[in-house]
Protein backbone atom coordinates (compact mmCIF):
# COMPACT_ATOMS: atom_id res chain seq x y z
CA MET A 1 10.70 -13.89 -11.96
CA THR A 2 12.94 -12.60 -9.20
CA THR A 3 11.35 -11.17 -6.11
CA PRO A 4 13.14 -9.51 -3.20
CA SER A 5 13.82 -11.65 -0.20
CA ALA A 6 14.41 -10.97 3.45
CA PRO A 7 18.02 -10.79 4.72
CA ALA A 8 19.73 -14.08 5.54
CA HIS A 9 20.14 -13.06 9.20
CA PRO A 10 17.16 -10.89 10.14
CA LEU A 11 17.54 -8.75 13.23
CA THR A 12 14.83 -8.60 15.85
CA PHE A 13 13.34 -5.33 17.04
CA THR A 14 14.94 -3.98 20.19
CA ASP A 15 12.02 -1.69 20.99
CA ALA A 16 8.78 -3.58 21.68
CA ARG A 17 6.76 -0.57 20.55
CA LEU A 18 8.08 -1.00 16.99
CA ARG A 19 7.21 -4.67 16.64
CA PRO A 20 4.30 -5.42 14.34
CA PRO A 21 1.38 -6.91 16.29
CA LEU A 22 1.27 -10.40 14.80
CA PRO A 23 -0.08 -13.71 16.11
CA ARG A 24 1.81 -15.55 18.82
CA ARG A 25 2.08 -19.30 19.21
CA SER A 26 3.40 -21.17 22.27
CA GLY A 27 4.50 -17.92 23.87
CA ARG A 28 6.86 -16.98 21.05
CA ALA A 29 6.23 -14.84 18.02
CA ARG A 30 5.99 -16.98 14.88
CA SER A 31 5.72 -13.74 12.99
CA HIS A 32 5.79 -13.05 9.34
CA VAL A 33 3.93 -10.91 6.84
CA VAL A 34 2.87 -12.56 3.59
CA LEU A 35 3.19 -10.25 0.58
CA GLU A 36 1.62 -11.24 -2.74
CA PRO A 37 3.56 -9.75 -5.69
CA LEU A 38 1.47 -7.73 -8.15
CA THR A 39 2.69 -7.54 -11.74
CA PRO A 40 1.21 -6.05 -14.92
CA LEU A 41 -1.01 -8.48 -16.83
CA ALA A 42 0.65 -7.34 -20.05
CA ASP A 43 4.05 -8.46 -18.72
CA SER A 44 3.63 -11.01 -15.93
CA GLY A 45 7.37 -11.69 -15.97
CA ALA A 46 8.22 -8.11 -15.00
CA ALA A 47 9.33 -7.11 -11.54
CA PRO A 48 6.40 -6.52 -9.18
CA VAL A 49 5.15 -2.95 -9.05
CA GLY A 50 3.28 -3.57 -5.83
CA TYR A 51 2.52 -6.13 -3.13
CA LEU A 52 -0.73 -7.14 -1.49
CA ALA A 53 -0.69 -7.79 2.26
CA ARG A 54 -3.54 -9.35 4.20
CA PRO A 55 -3.85 -8.75 7.94
CA PRO A 56 -2.68 -11.79 9.96
CA ARG A 57 -5.71 -11.51 12.28
CA GLU A 58 -8.25 -9.07 13.61
CA PHE A 59 -6.67 -6.18 15.47
CA ALA A 60 -7.60 -5.03 18.96
CA GLY A 61 -7.95 -1.41 17.89
CA ALA A 62 -6.86 1.37 15.55
CA GLY A 63 -3.44 1.76 17.16
CA GLU A 64 -2.54 -1.90 16.68
CA GLU A 65 -3.74 -1.94 13.08
CA LEU A 66 -1.86 1.27 12.22
CA ALA A 67 1.33 -0.10 13.80
CA TRP A 68 1.10 -3.19 11.58
CA ILE A 69 0.50 -1.09 8.45
CA ARG A 70 3.36 1.27 9.27
CA TRP A 71 5.82 -1.57 9.86
CA THR A 72 4.80 -3.41 6.70
CA VAL A 73 5.13 -0.33 4.47
CA THR A 74 8.50 0.49 6.01
CA ALA A 75 9.80 -3.07 5.57
CA LEU A 76 8.63 -3.16 1.95
CA GLY A 77 10.42 0.13 1.33
CA VAL A 78 13.66 -1.61 2.30
CA LEU A 79 13.04 -4.88 0.45
CA ALA A 80 11.44 -3.47 -2.70
CA PRO A 81 12.02 0.29 -3.00
CA GLY A 82 9.47 1.95 -5.25
CA ALA A 83 6.81 -0.76 -4.90
CA PHE A 84 3.49 0.12 -3.30
CA LEU A 85 1.64 -1.80 -0.61
CA ALA A 86 -2.05 -2.62 -1.02
CA ALA A 87 -3.57 -3.62 2.30
CA SER A 88 -7.03 -3.88 3.81
CA ILE A 89 -7.62 -1.16 6.39
CA ASN A 90 -10.67 -0.73 8.55
CA GLY A 91 -12.51 2.45 7.57
CA GLU A 92 -12.86 3.49 11.20
CA THR A 93 -9.11 3.14 11.64
CA LEU A 94 -8.38 5.26 8.59
CA VAL A 95 -10.49 8.17 9.85
CA SER A 96 -9.11 7.97 13.39
CA ALA A 97 -7.03 10.80 14.85
CA GLN A 98 -3.97 8.53 14.87
CA ALA A 99 -4.01 7.86 11.12
CA GLN A 100 -2.72 11.29 10.07
CA GLU A 101 0.37 10.99 12.27
CA THR A 102 1.00 7.30 11.59
CA LEU A 103 0.37 7.15 7.84
CA GLY A 104 1.20 10.71 6.81
CA GLY A 105 4.15 10.74 4.43
CA PHE A 106 3.55 7.32 2.88
CA GLY A 107 1.58 8.83 0.00
CA ARG A 108 1.43 6.58 -3.05
CA HIS A 109 3.50 3.89 -1.33
CA LEU A 110 0.29 2.75 0.41
CA MET A 111 -3.06 1.83 -1.15
CA PRO A 112 -5.73 1.23 1.49
CA ILE A 113 -8.37 -1.35 0.53
CA LEU A 114 -11.77 -0.59 2.05
CA GLU A 115 -14.76 -2.88 2.49
CA PRO A 116 -17.93 -1.91 0.59
CA ALA A 117 -21.03 -0.52 2.29
CA ARG A 118 -24.49 0.31 0.98
CA VAL A 119 -26.42 2.22 3.62
CA GLY A 120 -26.27 3.91 6.99
CA ARG A 121 -23.29 4.64 9.20
CA ARG A 122 -20.98 2.24 7.38
CA LEU A 123 -21.61 3.99 4.06
CA GLU A 124 -20.91 7.36 5.65
CA GLU A 125 -17.74 5.98 7.21
CA LEU A 126 -16.65 4.55 3.85
CA GLY A 127 -16.98 7.97 2.24
CA LYS A 128 -14.98 9.64 5.01
CA ALA A 129 -12.25 6.99 4.78
CA ARG A 130 -11.92 7.50 1.03
CA VAL A 131 -11.61 11.27 1.50
CA THR A 132 -9.02 10.76 4.27
CA ALA A 133 -6.91 8.48 2.06
CA ARG A 134 -6.89 11.01 -0.74
CA ASN A 135 -6.05 13.86 1.63
CA LEU A 136 -3.01 11.81 2.66
CA GLY A 137 -2.06 11.44 -1.02
CA MET A 138 -2.97 7.76 -1.21
CA PRO A 139 -4.88 5.98 -3.98
CA CYS A 140 -7.87 4.22 -2.46
CA ALA A 141 -9.16 0.77 -3.45
CA ILE A 142 -12.31 -1.15 -2.70
CA GLY A 143 -12.43 -4.91 -2.24
CA GLY A 144 -14.33 -7.68 -0.54
CA GLN A 145 -17.16 -10.09 -1.13
CA ARG A 146 -19.09 -9.65 -4.39
CA VAL A 147 -18.22 -6.00 -5.01
CA ARG A 148 -20.33 -4.93 -7.97
CA SER A 149 -19.16 -1.37 -8.53
CA ALA A 150 -15.85 0.45 -8.13
CA ALA A 151 -17.22 3.89 -8.99
CA GLY A 152 -15.44 6.65 -7.10
CA PHE A 153 -12.37 4.55 -6.24
CA ASP A 154 -8.88 4.40 -7.71
CA ALA A 155 -8.73 0.59 -7.82
CA LEU A 156 -10.85 -2.53 -7.40
CA VAL A 157 -9.25 -5.60 -5.81
CA VAL A 158 -10.94 -8.89 -6.74
CA GLU A 159 -10.28 -12.61 -6.58
CA PRO A 160 -12.04 -15.38 -8.51
CA ALA A 161 -13.78 -16.99 -5.54
CA ARG A 162 -15.24 -13.73 -4.21
CA ALA A 163 -15.91 -11.70 -7.35
CA ALA A 164 -19.37 -10.58 -8.43
CA ALA A 165 -20.80 -12.08 -11.61
CA THR A 166 -20.59 -8.67 -13.27
CA ILE A 167 -18.20 -5.89 -12.36
CA ALA A 168 -18.94 -2.23 -13.11
CA MET A 169 -15.74 -0.19 -13.00
CA GLY A 170 -17.65 3.12 -13.22
CA GLY A 171 -14.57 5.10 -14.23
CA CYS A 172 -12.24 3.31 -11.80
CA PRO A 173 -8.92 3.06 -13.69
CA LEU A 174 -7.29 0.01 -12.06
CA LEU A 175 -8.46 -3.59 -11.65
CA ILE A 176 -6.23 -5.79 -9.48
CA ALA A 177 -6.91 -9.54 -9.67
CA THR A 178 -5.39 -11.57 -6.83
CA ARG A 179 -5.14 -15.19 -5.67
CA LEU A 180 -4.77 -16.43 -9.21
CA ASP A 181 -3.53 -19.96 -8.60
CA THR A 182 -4.36 -21.76 -11.86
CA GLN A 183 -4.41 -21.17 -15.58
CA ALA A 184 -8.20 -20.93 -15.36
CA ASP A 185 -7.80 -18.12 -12.83
CA LEU A 186 -5.45 -16.30 -15.20
CA ASP A 187 -7.92 -16.67 -18.04
CA TRP A 188 -10.63 -15.25 -15.77
CA ALA A 189 -8.45 -12.22 -14.96
CA ARG A 190 -7.88 -11.55 -18.65
CA ARG A 191 -11.60 -11.68 -19.35
CA GLN A 192 -12.21 -9.19 -16.55
CA GLY A 193 -9.65 -6.80 -18.03
CA ALA A 194 -7.30 -6.86 -15.04
CA ASN A 195 -4.38 -4.43 -15.05
CA LEU A 196 -2.35 -6.01 -12.23
CA ILE A 197 -2.35 -9.67 -11.27
CA GLY A 198 -1.07 -11.73 -8.36
CA GLY A 199 -1.18 -15.29 -7.10
CA ARG A 200 0.78 -18.53 -7.19
CA ALA A 201 0.25 -18.81 -10.94
CA ILE A 202 2.39 -15.66 -11.22
CA ALA A 203 4.86 -15.84 -8.34
CA GLU A 204 5.20 -17.33 -4.88
CA PRO A 205 4.34 -14.94 -2.04
CA LEU A 206 7.13 -13.18 -0.20
CA ARG A 207 7.29 -13.98 3.52
CA VAL A 208 8.92 -11.27 5.58
CA ALA A 209 9.98 -11.86 9.17
CA PRO A 210 10.17 -8.92 11.57
CA VAL A 211 13.51 -7.20 11.04
CA ASP A 212 15.06 -4.01 12.29
CA VAL A 213 14.53 -2.00 9.11
CA SER A 214 16.47 0.97 10.44
CA ARG A 215 19.60 -1.20 10.66
CA LEU A 216 18.97 -2.67 7.21
CA GLN A 217 18.79 0.85 5.78
CA ARG A 218 22.18 1.62 7.28
């Protein structure tokens, strides 16, 4: 399967404000975003319809997290036009005043993945984040450790090592199985009824270095 790759001679950002906030090592940015291709289970050899990105580290605040999301969606739009990005986003970040300005316009190109919550303030925040995502025109997924129900969400993101013993979709239309590295993992995804799949058993992840996407578009 062919996946898009970064340009042979990537250009660095000239404006520090546009650089994605990624980990630094020895004073220099060893920066890249790892994107896991997501393909239909029915045709795992097809071109990816989406990519899953995991944050490189914990972010210092909403502004830093939103900057990383914005850059990653924009870069993916250059490298794989039409594909969507599924990425974990903190619920508090998604309901922040900055989210509307930063993420508005991405629509179905971005699928936020929210962590589950059962009671209290976190449950209230989860509900607000889901409403915010939909108001921005985004499908909203739930994922994390031992998620048992996806009711009320547009997608459930699971992986073999962290999945609950039983999964109740509750009307959720899309099951995304990730980190499928072996044939046994693939068999597990089929038994769960996954719609989209990703992992090394399907395709190697795409590593994207920071590039000046505005110049690439030109």
